[in-house]
Amino acid sequence: MAKKFLSSPEGQQMIKDYISSPEGMNTIKEMLGSAEGKKMGATILLSMLDQFPIPDEAKGMVRQALEGL
């Protein structure tokens, strides 16, 4: 149910509003500064890597670096 709401236009707007708020920015900064946050960010980037228009060789190097985190 929560996943359905978060993918709705209202849910997407709520996420955008929170991320752009000072509280949301501080939360993101704290999370990305932690080891768990870095690992989560690397996992997200790895899942999106094939969407970037870069050569396969470069994707391989990025993948290798992110998997090392």
PDB file of N, CA and C in Angstrom:
ATOM      1  N   MET A   1       0.815  -1.190   0.000  1.00  0.00           N
ATOM      2  CA  MET A   1       0.000   0.000   0.000  1.00  0.00           C
ATOM      3  C   MET A   1       0.864   1.262   0.000  1.00  0.00           C
ATOM      4  N   ALA A   2       1.904   1.270   0.842  1.00  0.00           N
ATOM      5  CA  ALA A   2       2.798   2.427   0.887  1.00  0.00           C
ATOM      6  C   ALA A   2       3.515   2.604  -0.450  1.00  0.00           C
ATOM      7  N   LYS A   3       3.924   1.488  -1.052  1.00  0.00           N
ATOM      8  CA  LYS A   3       4.620   1.552  -2.337  1.00  0.00           C
ATOM      9  C   LYS A   3       3.713   2.154  -3.402  1.00  0.00           C
ATOM     10  N   LYS A   4       2.435   1.778  -3.365  1.00  0.00           N
ATOM     11  CA  LYS A   4       1.466   2.311  -4.333  1.00  0.00           C
ATOM     12  C   LYS A   4       1.320   3.823  -4.153  1.00  0.00           C
ATOM     13  N   PHE A   5       1.219   4.279  -2.889  1.00  0.00           N
ATOM     14  CA  PHE A   5       1.098   5.710  -2.625  1.00  0.00           C
ATOM     15  C   PHE A   5       2.339   6.460  -3.072  1.00  0.00           C
ATOM     16  N   LEU A   6       3.514   5.927  -2.741  1.00  0.00           N
ATOM     17  CA  LEU A   6       4.757   6.626  -3.080  1.00  0.00           C
ATOM     18  C   LEU A   6       4.965   6.729  -4.584  1.00  0.00           C
ATOM     19  N   SER A   7       4.374   5.827  -5.356  1.00  0.00           N
ATOM     20  CA  SER A   7       4.517   5.909  -6.812  1.00  0.00           C
ATOM     21  C   SER A   7       3.412   6.755  -7.440  1.00  0.00           C
ATOM     22  N   SER A   8       2.435   7.189  -6.639  1.00  0.00           N
ATOM     23  CA  SER A   8       1.362   8.050  -7.158  1.00  0.00           C
ATOM     24  C   SER A   8       1.878   9.476  -7.312  1.00  0.00           C
ATOM     25  N   PRO A   9       1.183  10.308  -8.109  1.00  0.00           N
ATOM     26  CA  PRO A   9       1.610  11.713  -8.247  1.00  0.00           C
ATOM     27  C   PRO A   9       1.672  12.441  -6.898  1.00  0.00           C
ATOM     28  N   GLU A  10       0.722  12.155  -6.012  1.00  0.00           N
ATOM     29  CA  GLU A  10       0.727  12.808  -4.693  1.00  0.00           C
ATOM     30  C   GLU A  10       1.936  12.358  -3.879  1.00  0.00           C
ATOM     31  N   GLY A  11       2.218  11.079  -3.931  1.00  0.00           N
ATOM     32  CA  GLY A  11       3.379  10.548  -3.206  1.00  0.00           C
ATOM     33  C   GLY A  11       4.682  11.099  -3.741  1.00  0.00           C
ATOM     34  N   GLN A  12       4.784  11.188  -5.066  1.00  0.00           N
ATOM     35  CA  GLN A  12       5.988  11.733  -5.685  1.00  0.00           C
ATOM     36  C   GLN A  12       6.189  13.193  -5.282  1.00  0.00           C
ATOM     37  N   GLN A  13       5.103  13.950  -5.223  1.00  0.00           N
ATOM     38  CA  GLN A  13       5.206  15.356  -4.822  1.00  0.00           C
ATOM     39  C   GLN A  13       5.629  15.466  -3.364  1.00  0.00           C
ATOM     40  N   MET A  14       5.104  14.591  -2.505  1.00  0.00           N
ATOM     41  CA  MET A  14       5.478  14.594  -1.097  1.00  0.00           C
ATOM     42  C   MET A  14       6.972  14.316  -0.941  1.00  0.00           C
ATOM     43  N   ILE A  15       7.492  13.361  -1.710  1.00  0.00           N
ATOM     44  CA  ILE A  15       8.920  13.034  -1.667  1.00  0.00           C
ATOM     45  C   ILE A  15       9.745  14.238  -2.119  1.00  0.00           C
ATOM     46  N   LYS A  16       9.355  14.856  -3.227  1.00  0.00           N
ATOM     47  CA  LYS A  16      10.078  16.025  -3.741  1.00  0.00           C
ATOM     48  C   LYS A  16      10.075  17.158  -2.728  1.00  0.00           C
ATOM     49  N   ASP A  17       8.927  17.392  -2.108  1.00  0.00           N
ATOM     50  CA  ASP A  17       8.827  18.467  -1.110  1.00  0.00           C
ATOM     51  C   ASP A  17       9.745  18.199   0.083  1.00  0.00           C
ATOM     52  N   TYR A  18       9.772  16.955   0.541  1.00  0.00           N
ATOM     53  CA  TYR A  18      10.610  16.617   1.700  1.00  0.00           C
ATOM     54  C   TYR A  18      12.092  16.737   1.351  1.00  0.00           C
ATOM     55  N   ILE A  19      12.467  16.205   0.189  1.00  0.00           N
ATOM     56  CA  ILE A  19      13.876  16.233  -0.205  1.00  0.00           C
ATOM     57  C   ILE A  19      14.384  17.664  -0.342  1.00  0.00           C
ATOM     58  N   SER A  20      13.526  18.557  -0.814  1.00  0.00           N
ATOM     59  CA  SER A  20      13.966  19.941  -1.013  1.00  0.00           C
ATOM     60  C   SER A  20      13.854  20.790   0.257  1.00  0.00           C
ATOM     61  N   SER A  21      13.299  20.242   1.324  1.00  0.00           N
ATOM     62  CA  SER A  21      13.195  20.995   2.575  1.00  0.00           C
ATOM     63  C   SER A  21      14.530  20.951   3.317  1.00  0.00           C
ATOM     64  N   PRO A  22      14.784  21.922   4.207  1.00  0.00           N
ATOM     65  CA  PRO A  22      16.029  21.895   4.993  1.00  0.00           C
ATOM     66  C   PRO A  22      16.167  20.608   5.808  1.00  0.00           C
ATOM     67  N   GLU A  23      15.070  20.137   6.387  1.00  0.00           N
ATOM     68  CA  GLU A  23      15.104  18.900   7.178  1.00  0.00           C
ATOM     69  C   GLU A  23      15.482  17.707   6.294  1.00  0.00           C
ATOM     70  N   GLY A  24      14.894  17.650   5.113  1.00  0.00           N
ATOM     71  CA  GLY A  24      15.199  16.555   4.197  1.00  0.00           C
ATOM     72  C   GLY A  24      16.646  16.593   3.735  1.00  0.00           C
ATOM     73  N   MET A  25      17.160  17.775   3.449  1.00  0.00           N
ATOM     74  CA  MET A  25      18.551  17.906   3.011  1.00  0.00           C
ATOM     75  C   MET A  25      19.503  17.445   4.117  1.00  0.00           C
ATOM     76  N   ASN A  26      19.222  17.822   5.358  1.00  0.00           N
ATOM     77  CA  ASN A  26      20.071  17.394   6.478  1.00  0.00           C
ATOM     78  C   ASN A  26      20.039  15.880   6.651  1.00  0.00           C
ATOM     79  N   THR A  27      18.855  15.293   6.521  1.00  0.00           N
ATOM     80  CA  THR A  27      18.721  13.842   6.643  1.00  0.00           C
ATOM     81  C   THR A  27      19.538  13.142   5.565  1.00  0.00           C
ATOM     82  N   ILE A  28      19.454  13.641   4.344  1.00  0.00           N
ATOM     83  CA  ILE A  28      20.195  13.045   3.233  1.00  0.00           C
ATOM     84  C   ILE A  28      21.700  13.170   3.462  1.00  0.00           C
ATOM     85  N   LYS A  29      22.156  14.337   3.891  1.00  0.00           N
ATOM     86  CA  LYS A  29      23.581  14.541   4.160  1.00  0.00           C
ATOM     87  C   LYS A  29      24.090  13.591   5.231  1.00  0.00           C
ATOM     88  N   GLU A  30      23.324  13.431   6.304  1.00  0.00           N
ATOM     89  CA  GLU A  30      23.724  12.529   7.386  1.00  0.00           C
ATOM     90  C   GLU A  30      23.768  11.083   6.897  1.00  0.00           C
ATOM     91  N   MET A  31      22.763  10.699   6.129  1.00  0.00           N
ATOM     92  CA  MET A  31      22.677   9.325   5.650  1.00  0.00           C
ATOM     93  C   MET A  31      23.831   9.015   4.702  1.00  0.00           C
ATOM     94  N   LEU A  32      24.115   9.913   3.784  1.00  0.00           N
ATOM     95  CA  LEU A  32      25.179   9.654   2.813  1.00  0.00           C
ATOM     96  C   LEU A  32      26.557   9.679   3.450  1.00  0.00           C
ATOM     97  N   GLY A  33      26.674  10.319   4.593  1.00  0.00           N
ATOM     98  CA  GLY A  33      27.946  10.351   5.296  1.00  0.00           C
ATOM     99  C   GLY A  33      28.238   9.074   6.067  1.00  0.00           C
ATOM    100  N   SER A  34      27.226   8.230   6.234  1.00  0.00           N
ATOM    101  CA  SER A  34      27.419   6.987   6.975  1.00  0.00           C
ATOM    102  C   SER A  34      27.830   5.867   6.031  1.00  0.00           C
ATOM    103  N   ALA A  35      28.436   4.823   6.578  1.00  0.00           N
ATOM    104  CA  ALA A  35      28.849   3.673   5.762  1.00  0.00           C
ATOM    105  C   ALA A  35      27.628   3.008   5.130  1.00  0.00           C
ATOM    106  N   GLU A  36      26.552   2.902   5.891  1.00  0.00           N
ATOM    107  CA  GLU A  36      25.334   2.288   5.373  1.00  0.00           C
ATOM    108  C   GLU A  36      24.758   3.118   4.228  1.00  0.00           C
ATOM    109  N   GLY A  37      24.793   4.436   4.372  1.00  0.00           N
ATOM    110  CA  GLY A  37      24.292   5.328   3.331  1.00  0.00           C
ATOM    111  C   GLY A  37      25.107   5.223   2.053  1.00  0.00           C
ATOM    112  N   LYS A  38      26.419   5.133   2.193  1.00  0.00           N
ATOM    113  CA  LYS A  38      27.282   4.994   1.014  1.00  0.00           C
ATOM    114  C   LYS A  38      26.996   3.686   0.286  1.00  0.00           C
ATOM    115  N   LYS A  39      26.787   2.630   1.054  1.00  0.00           N
ATOM    116  CA  LYS A  39      26.492   1.324   0.465  1.00  0.00           C
ATOM    117  C   LYS A  39      25.142   1.368  -0.261  1.00  0.00           C
ATOM    118  N   MET A  40      24.163   2.028   0.354  1.00  0.00           N
ATOM    119  CA  MET A  40      22.851   2.146  -0.260  1.00  0.00           C
ATOM    120  C   MET A  40      22.940   2.974  -1.549  1.00  0.00           C
ATOM    121  N   GLY A  41      23.678   4.065  -1.516  1.00  0.00           N
ATOM    122  CA  GLY A  41      23.863   4.887  -2.705  1.00  0.00           C
ATOM    123  C   GLY A  41      24.546   4.117  -3.819  1.00  0.00           C
ATOM    124  N   ALA A  42      25.553   3.328  -3.477  1.00  0.00           N
ATOM    125  CA  ALA A  42      26.252   2.515  -4.470  1.00  0.00           C
ATOM    126  C   ALA A  42      25.310   1.487  -5.081  1.00  0.00           C
ATOM    127  N   THR A  43      24.457   0.890  -4.260  1.00  0.00           N
ATOM    128  CA  THR A  43      23.494  -0.095  -4.756  1.00  0.00           C
ATOM    129  C   THR A  43      22.514   0.550  -5.730  1.00  0.00           C
ATOM    130  N   ILE A  44      22.050   1.739  -5.411  1.00  0.00           N
ATOM    131  CA  ILE A  44      21.121   2.458  -6.296  1.00  0.00           C
ATOM    132  C   ILE A  44      21.817   2.779  -7.619  1.00  0.00           C
ATOM    133  N   LEU A  45      23.037   3.296  -7.552  1.00  0.00           N
ATOM    134  CA  LEU A  45      23.767   3.619  -8.785  1.00  0.00           C
ATOM    135  C   LEU A  45      24.027   2.380  -9.627  1.00  0.00           C
ATOM    136  N   LEU A  46      24.374   1.268  -8.987  1.00  0.00           N
ATOM    137  CA  LEU A  46      24.600   0.030  -9.730  1.00  0.00           C
ATOM    138  C   LEU A  46      23.338  -0.407 -10.459  1.00  0.00           C
ATOM    139  N   SER A  47      22.187  -0.260  -9.813  1.00  0.00           N
ATOM    140  CA  SER A  47      20.936  -0.671 -10.445  1.00  0.00           C
ATOM    141  C   SER A  47      20.567   0.228 -11.625  1.00  0.00           C
ATOM    142  N   MET A  48      21.084   1.449 -11.641  1.00  0.00           N
ATOM    143  CA  MET A  48      20.759   2.401 -12.703  1.00  0.00           C
ATOM    144  C   MET A  48      21.857   2.510 -13.759  1.00  0.00           C
ATOM    145  N   LEU A  49      22.966   1.873 -13.561  1.00  0.00           N
ATOM    146  CA  LEU A  49      24.150   2.067 -14.396  1.00  0.00           C
ATOM    147  C   LEU A  49      23.879   1.831 -15.881  1.00  0.00           C
ATOM    148  N   ASP A  50      23.093   0.826 -16.208  1.00  0.00           N
ATOM    149  CA  ASP A  50      22.846   0.519 -17.614  1.00  0.00           C
ATOM    150  C   ASP A  50      22.017   1.579 -18.325  1.00  0.00           C
ATOM    151  N   GLN A  51      21.402   2.475 -17.589  1.00  0.00           N
ATOM    152  CA  GLN A  51      20.610   3.543 -18.188  1.00  0.00           C
ATOM    153  C   GLN A  51      21.466   4.715 -18.665  1.00  0.00           C
ATOM    154  N   PHE A  52      22.723   4.771 -18.227  1.00  0.00           N
ATOM    155  CA  PHE A  52      23.594   5.881 -18.601  1.00  0.00           C
ATOM    156  C   PHE A  52      24.247   5.615 -19.959  1.00  0.00           C
ATOM    157  N   PRO A  53      24.272   6.625 -20.819  1.00  0.00           N
ATOM    158  CA  PRO A  53      24.866   6.440 -22.153  1.00  0.00           C
ATOM    159  C   PRO A  53      26.393   6.561 -22.130  1.00  0.00           C
ATOM    160  N   ILE A  54      27.046   5.605 -21.491  1.00  0.00           N
ATOM    161  CA  ILE A  54      28.508   5.593 -21.440  1.00  0.00           C
ATOM    162  C   ILE A  54      28.994   4.253 -21.971  1.00  0.00           C
ATOM    163  N   PRO A  55      30.218   4.203 -22.468  1.00  0.00           N
ATOM    164  CA  PRO A  55      30.742   2.952 -23.024  1.00  0.00           C
ATOM    165  C   PRO A  55      30.754   1.816 -21.993  1.00  0.00           C
ATOM    166  N   ASP A  56      30.596   0.600 -22.477  1.00  0.00           N
ATOM    167  CA  ASP A  56      30.566  -0.572 -21.596  1.00  0.00           C
ATOM    168  C   ASP A  56      31.828  -0.690 -20.750  1.00  0.00           C
ATOM    169  N   GLU A  57      32.973  -0.324 -21.324  1.00  0.00           N
ATOM    170  CA  GLU A  57      34.230  -0.403 -20.574  1.00  0.00           C
ATOM    171  C   GLU A  57      34.179   0.526 -19.359  1.00  0.00           C
ATOM    172  N   ALA A  58      33.651   1.732 -19.560  1.00  0.00           N
ATOM    173  CA  ALA A  58      33.533   2.685 -18.454  1.00  0.00           C
ATOM    174  C   ALA A  58      32.531   2.173 -17.421  1.00  0.00           C
ATOM    175  N   LYS A  59      31.430   1.577 -17.889  1.00  0.00           N
ATOM    176  CA  LYS A  59      30.447   1.017 -16.957  1.00  0.00           C
ATOM    177  C   LYS A  59      31.096  -0.065 -16.096  1.00  0.00           C
ATOM    178  N   GLY A  60      31.955  -0.861 -16.706  1.00  0.00           N
ATOM    179  CA  GLY A  60      32.638  -1.908 -15.968  1.00  0.00           C
ATOM    180  C   GLY A  60      33.530  -1.334 -14.878  1.00  0.00           C
ATOM    181  N   MET A  61      34.231  -0.263 -15.192  1.00  0.00           N
ATOM    182  CA  MET A  61      35.106   0.360 -14.198  1.00  0.00           C
ATOM    183  C   MET A  61      34.285   0.982 -13.059  1.00  0.00           C
ATOM    184  N   VAL A  62      33.182   1.625 -13.413  1.00  0.00           N
ATOM    185  CA  VAL A  62      32.302   2.231 -12.393  1.00  0.00           C
ATOM    186  C   VAL A  62      31.712   1.121 -11.516  1.00  0.00           C
ATOM    187  N   ARG A  63      31.239   0.057 -12.158  1.00  0.00           N
ATOM    188  CA  ARG A  63      30.652  -1.066 -11.420  1.00  0.00           C
ATOM    189  C   ARG A  63      31.669  -1.637 -10.427  1.00  0.00           C
ATOM    190  N   GLN A  64      32.892  -1.814 -10.879  1.00  0.00           N
ATOM    191  CA  GLN A  64      33.940  -2.383 -10.029  1.00  0.00           C
ATOM    192  C   GLN A  64      34.224  -1.466  -8.837  1.00  0.00           C
ATOM    193  N   ALA A  65      34.284  -0.169  -9.087  1.00  0.00           N
ATOM    194  CA  ALA A  65      34.560   0.778  -8.003  1.00  0.00           C
ATOM    195  C   ALA A  65      33.406   0.802  -6.996  1.00  0.00           C
ATOM    196  N   LEU A  66      32.174   0.785  -7.492  1.00  0.00           N
ATOM    197  CA  LEU A  66      31.027   0.828  -6.583  1.00  0.00           C
ATOM    198  C   LEU A  66      30.887  -0.450  -5.781  1.00  0.00           C
ATOM    199  N   GLU A  67      31.188  -1.574  -6.386  1.00  0.00           N
ATOM    200  CA  GLU A  67      31.094  -2.840  -5.668  1.00  0.00           C
ATOM    201  C   GLU A  67      32.146  -2.927  -4.563  1.00  0.00           C
ATOM    202  N   GLY A  68      33.197  -2.127  -4.668  1.00  0.00           N
ATOM    203  CA  GLY A  68      34.242  -2.116  -3.651  1.00  0.00           C
ATOM    204  C   GLY A  68      33.864  -1.331  -2.405  1.00  0.00           C
ATOM    205  N   LEU A  69      32.753  -0.596  -2.449  1.00  0.00           N
ATOM    206  CA  LEU A  69      32.337   0.201  -1.285  1.00  0.00           C
ATOM    207  C   LEU A  69      31.722  -0.665  -0.208  1.00  0.00           C
TER     208      LEU A  69
END
